Protein backbone atom coordinates (compact mmCIF):
# COMPACT_ATOMS: atom_id res chain seq x y z
CA MET A 1 62.31 215.73 20.91
CA ASN A 2 58.42 217.06 21.39
CA LYS A 3 58.67 221.01 21.16
CA MET A 4 54.88 221.06 22.76
CA TYR A 5 55.75 219.96 25.69
CA ASP A 6 59.61 221.23 26.13
CA TYR A 7 59.32 223.25 29.13
CA PRO A 8 61.39 223.73 32.07
CA GLN A 9 58.71 223.53 34.41
CA ASN A 10 57.30 220.13 33.10
CA PHE A 11 60.43 218.15 34.45
CA PHE A 12 62.02 217.86 37.73
CA ASN A 13 65.42 218.50 38.81
CA ARG A 14 67.90 215.79 38.48
CA GLU A 15 69.30 216.19 41.95
CA LEU A 16 66.33 216.58 43.74
CA SER A 17 64.97 213.74 42.66
CA TRP A 18 68.02 211.78 43.13
CA LEU A 19 67.74 212.88 47.14
CA GLU A 20 64.29 212.38 46.74
CA PHE A 21 65.55 208.64 45.77
CA ASN A 22 67.77 208.79 48.72
CA LYS A 23 65.67 209.07 51.15
CA ARG A 24 63.71 206.50 50.30
CA VAL A 25 66.32 204.46 51.09
CA LEU A 26 66.84 205.98 54.55
CA ASP A 27 62.66 205.34 55.09
CA GLU A 28 63.60 201.77 54.85
CA ALA A 29 66.31 202.30 57.15
CA ARG A 30 63.00 203.95 59.51
CA ASN A 31 61.06 200.90 58.99
CA GLU A 32 60.73 198.94 61.89
CA GLU A 33 58.95 196.29 59.05
CA ASN A 34 62.79 195.39 58.30
CA PRO A 35 65.27 193.46 60.63
CA LEU A 36 67.33 195.54 62.85
CA LEU A 37 70.42 194.73 60.86
CA GLU A 38 68.64 195.52 57.66
CA ARG A 39 67.77 198.62 58.57
CA VAL A 40 71.62 199.44 59.88
CA LYS A 41 72.66 198.10 56.31
CA PHE A 42 69.96 200.78 54.59
CA LEU A 43 71.87 203.40 56.98
CA SER A 44 75.03 202.64 55.45
CA ILE A 45 73.74 202.72 51.94
CA PHE A 46 72.18 206.41 52.50
CA ASN A 47 75.64 207.38 53.96
CA SER A 48 77.25 205.63 50.88
CA ASN A 49 75.25 206.72 48.55
CA LEU A 50 75.67 210.65 49.45
CA ASP A 51 79.22 210.33 49.38
CA GLU A 52 78.95 209.15 45.78
CA PHE A 53 76.62 212.16 45.00
CA PHE A 54 78.93 214.66 46.55
CA MET A 55 82.06 213.16 45.10
CA VAL A 56 80.67 213.06 41.48
CA ARG A 57 77.71 215.32 40.97
CA VAL A 58 78.45 217.90 43.53
CA ALA A 59 82.04 218.22 41.80
CA SER A 60 80.76 218.16 38.59
CA LEU A 61 78.81 221.68 39.91
CA LEU A 62 81.55 222.27 41.72
CA LEU A 63 84.16 222.63 38.46
CA PRO A 64 76.41 201.28 36.92
CA LYS A 65 98.08 208.63 71.93
CA LEU A 66 99.03 210.61 69.03
CA PHE A 67 100.68 213.97 70.49
CA SER A 68 101.99 212.03 73.25
CA SER A 69 103.90 214.91 74.39
CA HIS A 70 101.50 217.95 74.09
CA GLU A 71 98.12 218.44 76.29
CA VAL A 72 94.96 218.19 74.07
CA LEU A 73 92.40 220.85 74.34
CA TYR A 74 89.59 219.64 72.10
CA SER A 75 89.71 216.82 69.67
CA CYS A 76 86.76 216.20 66.90
CA SER A 77 86.55 213.73 63.73
CA TYR A 78 86.13 215.32 60.59
CA ARG A 79 85.68 213.63 57.19
CA ILE A 80 86.83 215.43 53.44
CA THR A 81 85.09 214.47 50.47
CA LYS A 82 86.79 215.07 47.06
CA ASP A 83 86.39 215.16 43.46
CA ALA A 84 86.57 211.85 42.53
CA ASP A 85 85.69 212.00 38.61
CA LEU A 86 88.31 211.55 36.20
CA ASP A 87 88.98 213.42 33.14
CA VAL A 88 90.51 211.49 30.37
CA ASP A 89 91.29 212.82 26.94
CA GLU A 90 90.92 209.53 25.33
CA GLU A 91 91.46 210.82 21.22
CA ASP A 92 94.95 211.52 22.55
CA ALA A 93 96.44 208.86 24.91
CA MET A 94 98.67 206.56 23.17
CA ASP A 95 97.74 203.80 25.76
CA LEU A 96 94.50 204.10 27.56
CA LEU A 97 95.37 201.43 30.24
CA GLU A 98 98.81 203.96 31.06
CA THR A 99 96.88 207.13 30.96
CA MET A 100 93.99 205.47 33.29
CA GLU A 101 96.49 204.45 35.49
CA GLU A 102 97.93 207.71 35.86
CA SER A 103 94.77 209.35 36.18
CA LEU A 104 93.80 207.00 39.41
CA LYS A 105 97.00 208.51 40.75
CA GLN A 106 95.31 212.10 40.42
CA ARG A 107 92.27 211.61 42.11
CA LYS A 108 93.86 211.76 45.89
CA TRP A 109 94.23 215.06 44.69
CA GLY A 110 90.87 216.24 43.65
CA ASP A 111 89.54 219.32 45.09
CA ALA A 112 87.48 219.22 48.07
CA VAL A 113 83.45 219.45 47.64
CA ARG A 114 82.09 218.00 50.95
CA LEU A 115 83.66 218.70 54.84
CA GLU A 116 81.84 217.25 57.44
CA ILE A 117 82.68 218.28 61.19
CA GLU A 118 81.84 217.01 64.54
CA SER A 119 80.20 220.33 66.19
CA ASN A 120 79.74 219.27 70.24
CA GLY A 121 82.38 220.24 72.78
CA ASN A 122 83.69 224.14 72.88
CA VAL A 123 82.52 226.50 70.66
CA GLU A 124 85.46 228.41 70.54
CA TYR A 125 87.93 225.21 69.89
CA PHE A 126 85.59 223.76 67.15
CA ASN A 127 85.78 227.39 65.67
CA GLU A 128 89.49 227.76 65.41
CA ILE A 129 90.32 224.27 64.19
CA LEU A 130 87.35 224.30 61.09
CA ASP A 131 89.27 227.53 60.53
CA ILE A 132 92.23 225.55 59.52
CA ILE A 133 90.69 223.18 58.08
CA VAL A 134 88.62 225.35 55.90
CA ASP A 135 92.03 227.07 55.08
CA GLU A 136 93.77 224.11 54.07
CA ILE A 137 91.42 222.22 51.91
CA GLU A 138 89.97 225.53 50.22
CA ILE A 139 86.25 224.65 50.69
CA ASP A 140 83.41 227.36 50.62
CA GLU A 141 81.17 227.54 53.34
CA GLN A 142 77.71 226.28 51.99
CA TYR A 143 79.39 222.82 51.77
CA ILE A 144 80.54 222.56 55.26
CA PHE A 145 78.18 220.39 57.38
CA LYS A 146 78.38 220.25 61.08
CA ILE A 147 77.05 216.87 62.85
CA ASN A 148 76.43 216.50 66.02
CA GLY A 149 76.56 213.04 66.39
CA ILE A 150 78.34 209.91 63.75
CA ILE A 151 79.38 211.32 60.69
CA ASP A 152 80.06 208.35 58.82
CA PHE A 153 77.65 205.23 58.82
CA THR A 154 79.25 203.08 56.18
CA PHE A 155 80.72 201.34 58.77
CA LEU A 156 77.22 199.50 60.05
CA ASN A 157 77.42 197.66 56.31
CA LYS A 158 79.51 195.29 58.18
CA LEU A 159 77.21 194.53 61.04
CA GLY A 160 75.20 192.65 58.28
CA SER A 161 78.06 189.94 58.24
CA VAL A 162 78.56 189.22 61.66
CA GLU A 163 77.69 185.47 62.37
CA GLY A 164 74.81 184.42 63.73
CA PHE A 165 72.10 187.02 64.92
CA ASP A 166 69.56 185.40 62.26
CA GLU A 167 66.69 187.11 64.08
CA LEU A 168 67.61 190.35 63.17
CA LYS A 169 68.50 189.62 59.65
CA TYR A 170 66.41 189.06 56.65
CA GLU A 171 65.41 185.40 56.64
CA LYS A 172 67.89 183.22 54.07
CA VAL A 173 66.73 182.66 50.36
CA LYS A 174 67.95 179.87 48.87
CA MET A 175 68.29 180.82 45.22
CA ALA A 176 67.23 178.39 42.74
CA ASN A 177 69.86 176.62 40.82
CA ILE A 178 68.01 176.41 37.22
CA LYS A 179 68.78 172.42 36.26
CA ILE A 180 70.07 171.15 32.82
CA PRO A 181 68.07 167.77 31.74
CA HIS A 182 70.06 164.87 32.25
CA ARG A 183 71.81 163.48 29.25
CA THR A 184 72.72 167.20 27.70
CA ASP A 185 75.29 169.81 28.29
CA ILE A 186 74.24 173.66 28.63
CA PHE A 187 75.06 174.09 24.63
CA GLY A 188 71.95 171.22 23.84
CA TYR A 189 70.01 172.64 26.58
CA ILE A 190 70.33 176.33 24.76
CA LYS A 191 70.02 174.82 21.47
CA GLU A 192 66.76 173.44 22.06
CA LYS A 193 65.08 176.42 23.82
CA ASP A 194 66.03 180.17 25.06
CA ILE A 195 66.63 179.61 28.41
CA PHE A 196 65.63 182.74 30.82
CA VAL A 197 67.82 183.49 33.72
CA HIS A 198 66.22 185.96 36.91
CA HIS A 199 68.64 186.75 39.43
CA PRO A 200 68.94 186.85 42.32
CA TYR A 201 65.67 184.37 42.50
CA GLU A 202 68.10 182.50 40.06
CA SER A 203 71.55 181.78 40.64
CA PHE A 204 74.16 183.39 38.46
CA ASP A 205 76.09 179.94 38.35
CA ILE A 206 74.34 179.06 35.04
CA ILE A 207 76.23 182.26 33.10
CA VAL A 208 79.30 180.69 34.66
CA ASP A 209 78.93 177.39 33.84
CA MET A 210 78.31 178.30 30.60
CA VAL A 211 81.92 180.21 30.06
CA LYS A 212 83.76 177.48 32.04
CA LYS A 213 82.52 175.29 29.96
CA ALA A 214 83.47 177.11 26.42
CA ALA A 215 86.94 177.13 28.19
CA GLU A 216 86.82 173.59 28.43
CA ASP A 217 85.43 172.17 25.45
CA PRO A 218 87.05 171.33 22.54
CA ASN A 219 84.81 172.44 19.85
CA VAL A 220 84.71 176.03 20.87
CA LEU A 221 86.57 177.93 18.69
CA ALA A 222 86.12 181.53 20.33
CA ILE A 223 84.57 183.37 22.98
CA LYS A 224 83.58 187.09 23.26
CA GLN A 225 82.90 189.02 26.42
CA THR A 226 82.28 192.66 27.79
CA LEU A 227 82.74 193.51 31.03
CA TYR A 228 81.62 196.05 33.08
CA ARG A 229 81.92 195.42 36.93
CA VAL A 230 83.21 192.10 38.12
CA SER A 231 83.60 190.31 41.24
CA GLY A 232 86.70 190.72 43.17
CA ASN A 233 87.24 186.73 42.95
CA SER A 234 86.11 186.04 39.45
CA PRO A 235 85.32 183.14 38.42
CA ILE A 236 84.53 184.66 34.60
CA ILE A 237 87.93 185.65 34.49
CA GLU A 238 89.40 182.54 35.31
CA ALA A 239 87.64 180.83 32.54
CA LEU A 240 88.41 183.41 30.16
CA THR A 241 92.23 183.09 31.00
CA LYS A 242 91.89 178.84 31.06
CA ALA A 243 90.21 179.80 27.24
CA ALA A 244 92.95 181.36 26.04
CA GLU A 245 95.53 179.19 27.57
CA LYS A 246 94.13 176.18 25.88
CA GLY A 247 94.17 178.47 22.43
CA LYS A 248 90.89 179.44 21.95
CA GLN A 249 90.57 182.65 20.62
CA VAL A 250 88.44 185.26 23.18
CA THR A 251 87.98 188.39 23.26
CA VAL A 252 87.22 191.13 25.96
CA LEU A 253 86.40 194.36 26.17
CA VAL A 254 87.21 195.65 29.65
CA GLU A 255 85.74 199.19 30.17
CA LEU A 256 88.59 200.78 32.07
CA LYS A 257 86.22 203.87 33.10
CA ALA A 258 83.50 202.23 34.81
CA ARG A 259 83.58 205.03 37.54
CA PHE A 260 85.26 203.38 41.06
CA ASP A 261 85.90 200.19 39.28
CA GLU A 262 88.68 201.46 37.12
CA GLU A 263 91.39 200.40 39.42
CA ASN A 264 90.04 196.68 39.69
CA ASN A 265 89.40 196.59 35.86
CA ILE A 266 93.09 197.84 35.05
CA THR A 267 93.88 194.54 37.11
CA TRP A 268 91.99 192.30 35.43
CA ALA A 269 92.80 193.84 31.84
CA LYS A 270 96.15 192.96 32.51
CA LYS A 271 95.89 189.32 33.89
CA LEU A 272 93.67 188.41 30.97
CA GLU A 273 96.31 190.06 28.40
CA LYS A 274 99.28 187.99 30.55
CA ALA A 275 96.74 184.98 29.40
CA GLY A 276 97.03 185.63 26.10
CA CYS A 277 93.23 186.83 25.03
CA HIS A 278 92.63 189.68 22.99
CA VAL A 279 91.70 192.66 25.43
CA ILE A 280 89.89 196.23 24.17
CA TYR A 281 88.59 198.74 25.69
CA GLY A 282 85.89 199.95 23.78
CA VAL A 283 85.04 202.88 21.31
CA ILE A 284 86.60 206.00 21.29
CA GLY A 285 84.52 208.88 23.40
CA LEU A 286 81.78 206.08 24.62
CA LYS A 287 81.32 204.03 27.79
CA THR A 288 80.81 199.59 27.05
CA HIS A 289 77.84 199.22 29.32
CA CYS A 290 76.41 196.58 27.31
CA LYS A 291 76.41 193.16 29.15
CA ILE A 292 76.76 190.23 26.58
CA LEU A 293 78.71 186.79 26.03
CA LEU A 294 79.24 185.37 22.51
CA VAL A 295 79.93 181.30 22.35
CA VAL A 296 80.98 180.31 18.99
CA ARG A 297 81.12 176.54 18.22
CA LYS A 298 81.84 173.94 15.69
CA GLU A 299 78.91 171.68 15.64
CA LYS A 300 79.08 168.99 12.78
CA ASP A 301 81.30 170.85 10.18
CA LYS A 302 78.77 173.99 10.95
CA ILE A 303 79.63 177.61 12.84
CA LYS A 304 77.24 177.88 15.85
CA ARG A 305 76.83 180.97 17.95
CA TYR A 306 75.20 181.02 21.45
CA VAL A 307 74.52 183.85 23.05
CA HIS A 308 73.65 185.19 27.05
CA PHE A 309 72.96 189.16 26.99
CA GLY A 310 71.01 190.42 29.97
CA THR A 311 70.52 193.62 31.78
CA GLY A 312 73.52 193.50 34.75
CA ASN A 313 77.26 192.65 35.04
CA TYR A 314 78.97 189.33 34.78
CA ASN A 315 79.16 189.88 38.74
CA ASP A 316 78.68 186.80 40.83
CA VAL A 317 79.06 189.02 43.66
CA THR A 318 76.48 191.78 42.84
CA ALA A 319 74.27 189.06 40.92
CA LYS A 320 73.00 187.95 44.82
CA PHE A 321 71.22 190.95 45.61
CA TYR A 322 70.87 193.10 42.33
CA THR A 323 67.65 192.15 40.10
CA ASP A 324 68.37 191.18 36.68
CA MET A 325 67.61 189.49 33.90
CA GLY A 326 68.77 187.69 30.96
CA ILE A 327 68.52 185.17 28.20
CA LEU A 328 70.47 182.67 26.81
CA THR A 329 69.46 181.81 22.92
CA ALA A 330 71.15 179.62 20.22
CA ASP A 331 69.14 181.88 17.65
CA GLU A 332 70.90 182.51 14.31
CA GLN A 333 70.00 186.21 14.41
CA PHE A 334 71.15 186.95 17.48
CA GLY A 335 74.24 185.07 17.05
CA LYS A 336 75.08 187.42 13.74
CA ASP A 337 73.66 190.27 15.64
CA ALA A 338 76.40 189.32 18.32
CA SER A 339 78.91 188.73 16.15
CA THR A 340 78.35 192.28 14.52
CA LEU A 341 78.75 193.89 17.74
CA PHE A 342 82.16 192.83 18.31
CA ASN A 343 82.90 193.27 15.34
CA MET A 344 81.95 197.15 16.08
CA LEU A 345 83.76 197.41 19.20
CA SER A 346 87.10 195.96 17.75
CA GLY A 347 87.25 198.60 14.89
CA TYR A 348 86.06 196.23 12.31
CA ALA A 349 82.62 197.04 10.98
CA SER A 350 79.53 199.44 11.66
CA PRO A 351 76.59 197.89 13.19
CA ASP A 352 74.72 197.30 10.40
CA ASN A 353 71.51 195.27 9.40
CA MET A 354 70.94 194.22 13.02
CA LYS A 355 67.76 193.11 13.46
CA LYS A 356 67.16 191.38 17.01
CA ILE A 357 70.11 193.58 18.89
CA THR A 358 69.41 197.84 19.37
CA ILE A 359 72.93 198.75 20.00
CA ALA A 360 73.36 202.79 21.54
CA PRO A 361 74.28 205.50 20.35
CA TYR A 362 73.52 203.57 17.08
CA GLY A 363 69.28 203.48 16.26
CA PHE A 364 68.33 203.49 20.46
CA ARG A 365 66.77 206.43 20.77
CA ASP A 366 65.35 205.95 17.34
CA LYS A 367 63.82 202.74 18.22
CA PHE A 368 62.27 203.73 21.83
CA GLU A 369 61.04 207.46 20.26
CA LYS A 370 59.26 205.40 17.05
CA MET A 371 57.73 202.39 19.24
CA ILE A 372 55.93 205.68 21.93
CA ARG A 373 54.55 207.35 18.62
CA ARG A 374 53.52 204.25 17.35
CA GLU A 375 50.84 203.48 20.77
CA ALA A 376 49.94 207.06 20.34
CA GLU A 377 49.40 206.90 16.82
CA ASN A 378 47.20 204.01 17.58
CA ALA A 379 45.56 205.49 21.02
CA LYS A 380 44.48 208.24 18.51
CA LYS A 381 42.38 205.82 16.42
CA GLY A 382 40.89 204.69 19.60
CA LYS A 383 42.66 201.72 19.57
CA LYS A 384 44.02 200.22 23.31
CA ALA A 385 47.31 201.49 23.53
CA LYS A 386 50.04 200.84 26.82
CA ILE A 387 53.34 201.25 27.49
CA ILE A 388 55.17 199.60 30.27
CA ALA A 389 58.47 200.20 31.38
CA LYS A 390 61.18 199.05 34.32
CA MET A 391 64.57 201.52 34.89
CA ASN A 392 66.95 202.51 37.11
CA SER A 393 66.46 206.59 36.12
CA LEU A 394 64.60 208.26 33.71
CA LEU A 395 65.92 211.51 32.72
CA ASP A 396 66.44 212.25 29.12
CA LYS A 397 64.33 215.39 27.96
CA SER A 398 63.28 213.94 24.68
CA ILE A 399 61.92 210.47 26.03
CA THR A 400 59.92 212.63 28.68
CA THR A 401 58.20 214.00 25.90
CA GLU A 402 57.39 211.95 24.06
CA LEU A 403 55.50 210.22 27.13
CA TYR A 404 53.87 213.08 27.57
CA ALA A 405 52.31 213.13 24.26
CA ALA A 406 51.62 209.69 24.33
CA SER A 407 49.29 210.60 27.61
CA GLN A 408 47.44 213.25 25.71
CA ALA A 409 46.83 210.94 23.10
CA GLY A 410 45.36 207.99 25.66
CA VAL A 411 48.09 206.13 25.86
CA GLU A 412 47.99 204.13 29.62
CA ILE A 413 51.74 204.41 30.50
CA GLU A 414 53.14 202.99 33.80
CA LEU A 415 56.71 203.76 34.84
CA ILE A 416 58.60 201.34 37.53
CA VAL A 417 61.37 204.02 38.11
CA ARG A 418 63.85 202.72 41.46
CA GLY A 419 65.92 206.11 41.39
CA ILE A 420 65.92 209.76 39.32
CA CYS A 421 62.91 210.66 38.11
CA CYS A 422 62.52 213.88 36.09
CA LEU A 423 59.17 213.19 34.36
CA LYS A 424 56.14 214.73 36.21
CA SER A 425 53.42 212.68 36.33
CA GLY A 426 49.47 212.88 36.72
CA ILE A 427 49.25 216.43 36.07
CA LYS A 428 46.97 217.71 33.98
CA GLY A 429 46.88 218.33 30.19
CA LEU A 430 50.47 216.39 30.31
CA SER A 431 50.62 213.32 31.38
CA GLU A 432 47.23 212.27 33.64
CA ASN A 433 48.05 208.87 31.76
CA ILE A 434 50.99 208.46 33.19
CA LYS A 435 51.98 207.01 36.71
CA VAL A 436 55.55 206.26 38.30
CA ARG A 437 56.67 203.97 41.28
CA SER A 438 59.34 203.53 43.01
CA ILE A 439 60.20 200.29 44.63
CA VAL A 440 63.50 200.40 47.50
CA GLY A 441 63.31 197.28 49.01
CA ARG A 442 65.69 193.95 50.09
CA TYR A 443 67.43 193.60 46.80
CA LEU A 444 68.52 196.43 44.56
CA GLU A 445 66.16 196.95 41.67
CA HIS A 446 68.52 196.88 38.43
CA SER A 447 66.82 194.95 35.59
CA ARG A 448 65.48 197.20 32.40
CA ILE A 449 62.43 196.37 30.99
CA TYR A 450 60.09 197.99 28.25
CA TYR A 451 56.57 196.70 26.79
CA PHE A 452 54.76 197.97 23.89
CA TYR A 453 51.64 196.69 23.78
CA ASN A 454 51.42 197.41 19.83
CA ASP A 455 48.18 196.85 18.74
CA GLY A 456 47.64 193.76 20.05
CA LYS A 457 51.43 192.36 18.95
CA GLU A 458 53.21 192.77 22.11
CA GLU A 459 56.46 193.84 21.84
CA LEU A 460 59.01 193.16 24.82
CA TYR A 461 62.65 194.17 25.17
CA ILE A 462 65.12 193.81 27.87
CA SER A 463 67.94 196.31 28.03
CA SER A 464 71.48 197.34 29.48
CA GLY A 465 70.61 200.84 29.36
CA ASP A 466 67.62 203.14 31.14
CA TRP A 467 66.08 206.16 29.73
CA MET A 468 68.82 208.67 30.39
CA TYR A 469 70.78 210.58 27.97
CA ARG A 470 74.01 209.06 29.02
CA ASN A 471 72.70 205.65 28.16
CA LEU A 472 71.16 206.63 24.69
CA ASN A 473 74.01 209.10 23.05
CA LYS A 474 77.42 208.84 25.15
CA ARG A 475 77.37 204.59 25.68
CA VAL A 476 77.51 201.32 24.20
CA GLU A 477 74.72 199.74 25.29
CA THR A 478 72.41 196.67 23.85
CA MET A 479 68.87 196.08 23.85
CA GLY A 480 67.34 192.98 22.56
CA ILE A 481 64.03 191.36 21.57
CA VAL A 482 61.95 188.86 23.58
CA GLU A 483 60.50 186.75 21.43
CA ASP A 484 59.92 183.55 23.34
CA LYS A 485 56.08 183.12 24.37
CA ASP A 486 56.95 181.59 27.00
CA ILE A 487 59.77 184.08 28.12
CA GLN A 488 57.28 186.74 27.23
CA GLN A 489 54.53 185.39 29.55
CA GLU A 490 56.85 185.05 32.48
CA ILE A 491 58.19 188.86 32.07
CA LYS A 492 54.89 189.70 31.89
CA GLU A 493 54.15 188.38 34.93
CA ILE A 494 57.06 189.98 36.84
CA LEU A 495 55.81 193.02 35.77
CA ASP A 496 52.52 192.77 36.70
CA LEU A 497 53.71 191.94 40.40
CA TYR A 498 55.65 195.39 40.85
CA LEU A 499 52.70 197.01 39.84
CA LYS A 500 50.69 195.36 42.29
CA ASP A 501 53.36 195.76 44.72
CA ASN A 502 51.46 197.85 47.76
CA VAL A 503 54.11 196.81 50.75
CA LYS A 504 57.43 198.28 49.05
CA ALA A 505 56.03 200.79 46.27
CA LYS A 506 55.69 204.34 46.69
CA ILE A 507 54.00 206.48 44.30
CA LEU A 508 54.98 209.63 42.80
CA LYS A 509 53.00 212.66 43.33
CA SER A 510 52.58 216.32 41.29
CA ASP A 511 54.87 217.84 43.46
CA GLY A 512 58.17 215.69 43.21
CA SER A 513 57.75 213.92 46.89
CA TYR A 514 57.25 209.87 46.79
CA GLU A 515 54.01 208.36 48.54
CA LYS A 516 54.11 204.98 50.29
CA LYS A 517 50.87 203.02 48.51
CA GLN A 518 47.80 202.91 51.18
CA ILE A 519 46.63 198.89 51.81
CA ALA A 520 42.82 198.69 51.99
CA GLU A 521 41.37 196.77 54.83
CA ASN A 522 40.41 193.58 52.75
CA GLU A 523 43.47 193.93 50.38
CA LYS A 524 45.92 191.07 50.05
CA ARG A 525 49.43 192.59 50.99
CA ILE A 526 51.82 192.04 47.96
CA ASN A 527 55.66 192.48 48.25
CA ALA A 528 56.84 191.87 44.83
CA GLN A 529 60.35 190.88 45.80
CA GLU A 530 58.82 188.20 48.34
CA GLU A 531 56.37 186.96 45.99
CA LEU A 532 59.44 186.71 42.95
CA VAL A 533 60.99 184.17 45.51
CA LYS A 534 57.74 182.01 45.34
CA PHE A 535 57.24 182.46 41.77
CA THR A 536 60.62 180.89 40.67
CA HIS A 537 60.56 178.70 43.14
CA ASN A 538 57.63 177.38 41.53
CA LYS A 539 58.47 177.53 37.95
CA ASN A 540 61.69 175.31 38.68
CA LYS A 541 59.78 172.72 40.73
CA SER A 542 57.25 172.38 37.61
CA LEU A 543 60.96 173.02 35.08
CA GLU A 544 62.27 169.89 37.29
CA LYS A 545 59.03 167.59 37.27
CA GLU A 546 58.73 168.05 33.12
CA PHE A 547 62.84 167.35 32.63
CA SER A 548 62.26 163.47 34.57
CA GLN A 549 59.44 162.66 32.40
CA THR A 550 61.25 164.31 29.26
CA LEU A 551 64.45 162.04 27.65
CA ILE A 552 66.70 164.65 25.67
CA ILE A 553 69.47 163.71 23.48
CA PRO A 554 72.77 164.87 23.85
CA ILE A 555 74.04 167.91 21.39
CA GLY A 556 76.13 165.92 18.35
CA LYS A 557 79.97 166.96 18.11
């Protein structure tokens, strides 16, 4: 950590920054340019976000005709939010699955952290009811919210799925399907070249198809995968169970501590175990948040590894509205690194000699800090130096102070941070070379991209982790280097669109508030997410044309 910049006044408060983010969500509900039912959906998301804020953040401060025979004098609705943060002693747990099941039963008995109550009507009766509730749930007065109106907008989210009323919704967008050339299969295609996938602009089907194909393929010996959050009726789970039933070695890491998905993941873990999969629950004291799939295949008396590593969950439902990216590769070193990762998660190896995948908490922070310092050193020598980073949240104090030092050295730093950002930008003598923007739009920005100019030898990474202490120190995360020049160029063009967005982008001001980017009179309106729909459509049309002109021979058995 660069101590020169490590002063409390150089950082925004985490909770206030999060509330600023949720205000940006509310702004989308107010935005009359959005269709009506989409605005209603943003209002629901705002309410749901606030619920989680109280259940987790406020909770931690407090320590990814019913009465037919009675006369009703007064009635009102009220809503109690309880502490939902689970405290599990992993080290002393004999059976983590059983321990998590018991902990989940205790969640409903958590301390009350918020009371919302309708305040319209007779003041005398209202106060009497309020006193009774407060006595029962033992809540502090500062966490009581008297609301003159609806107290729970989350029900509005269902309106968006009502059939019809298309004029009140976003225009339907068809996701592009990544085409596999004729006369080859997915493994043959990956073997020919790395494949870049960008969701939701490109369909998640290719990932599902890869697992399904691996389950059916007699030459596939093993499938290994991490699962953090999956859908309620997951085709990935179905394919993995089928693979195990066919006698393949299937290893699945199911993260039981994925917040609010614990119960769902326990169910999946049991199903996978019953089918014969080797199910592991991760490393003691760490959440396993990385997104990686490894397929081991026998080809011509050799072992060939195929890897998918990405920024988002293996969830076919959220892949339709979360922006995430991933790469499918048959690169030999990536395969070795992926094998080392799974051996580490199984407890059989340490993550040594990894060359293309970096793992948190083993070297993740050091690598980032070295790359930031390298840009700073280049800037001091008068060389061009630039950092572009896209993530969900930026909270880590050490990384932030390194960015401040780089800014003072003359490094140009562009940050695209959807949610919390504790870094202060545009402060003279501290961060005048740093610009922070947030994009809240139709899709939830979820991809993590890290770019370093490196004196013209550009380095580009995609990752499952943000610049947060928990991602750097308390989770198993992966970051993979992007070496394919075509994929590098595509991701740089994607970043460029985000930096040019003047419709949905809001710029962080020095006081912690966010300001909508102003569009000049003759300036073209650029909505990055809308432009990416066109960008991806054009790319896939070009690929289809290329495939029609190219003969590709199927992979040998």
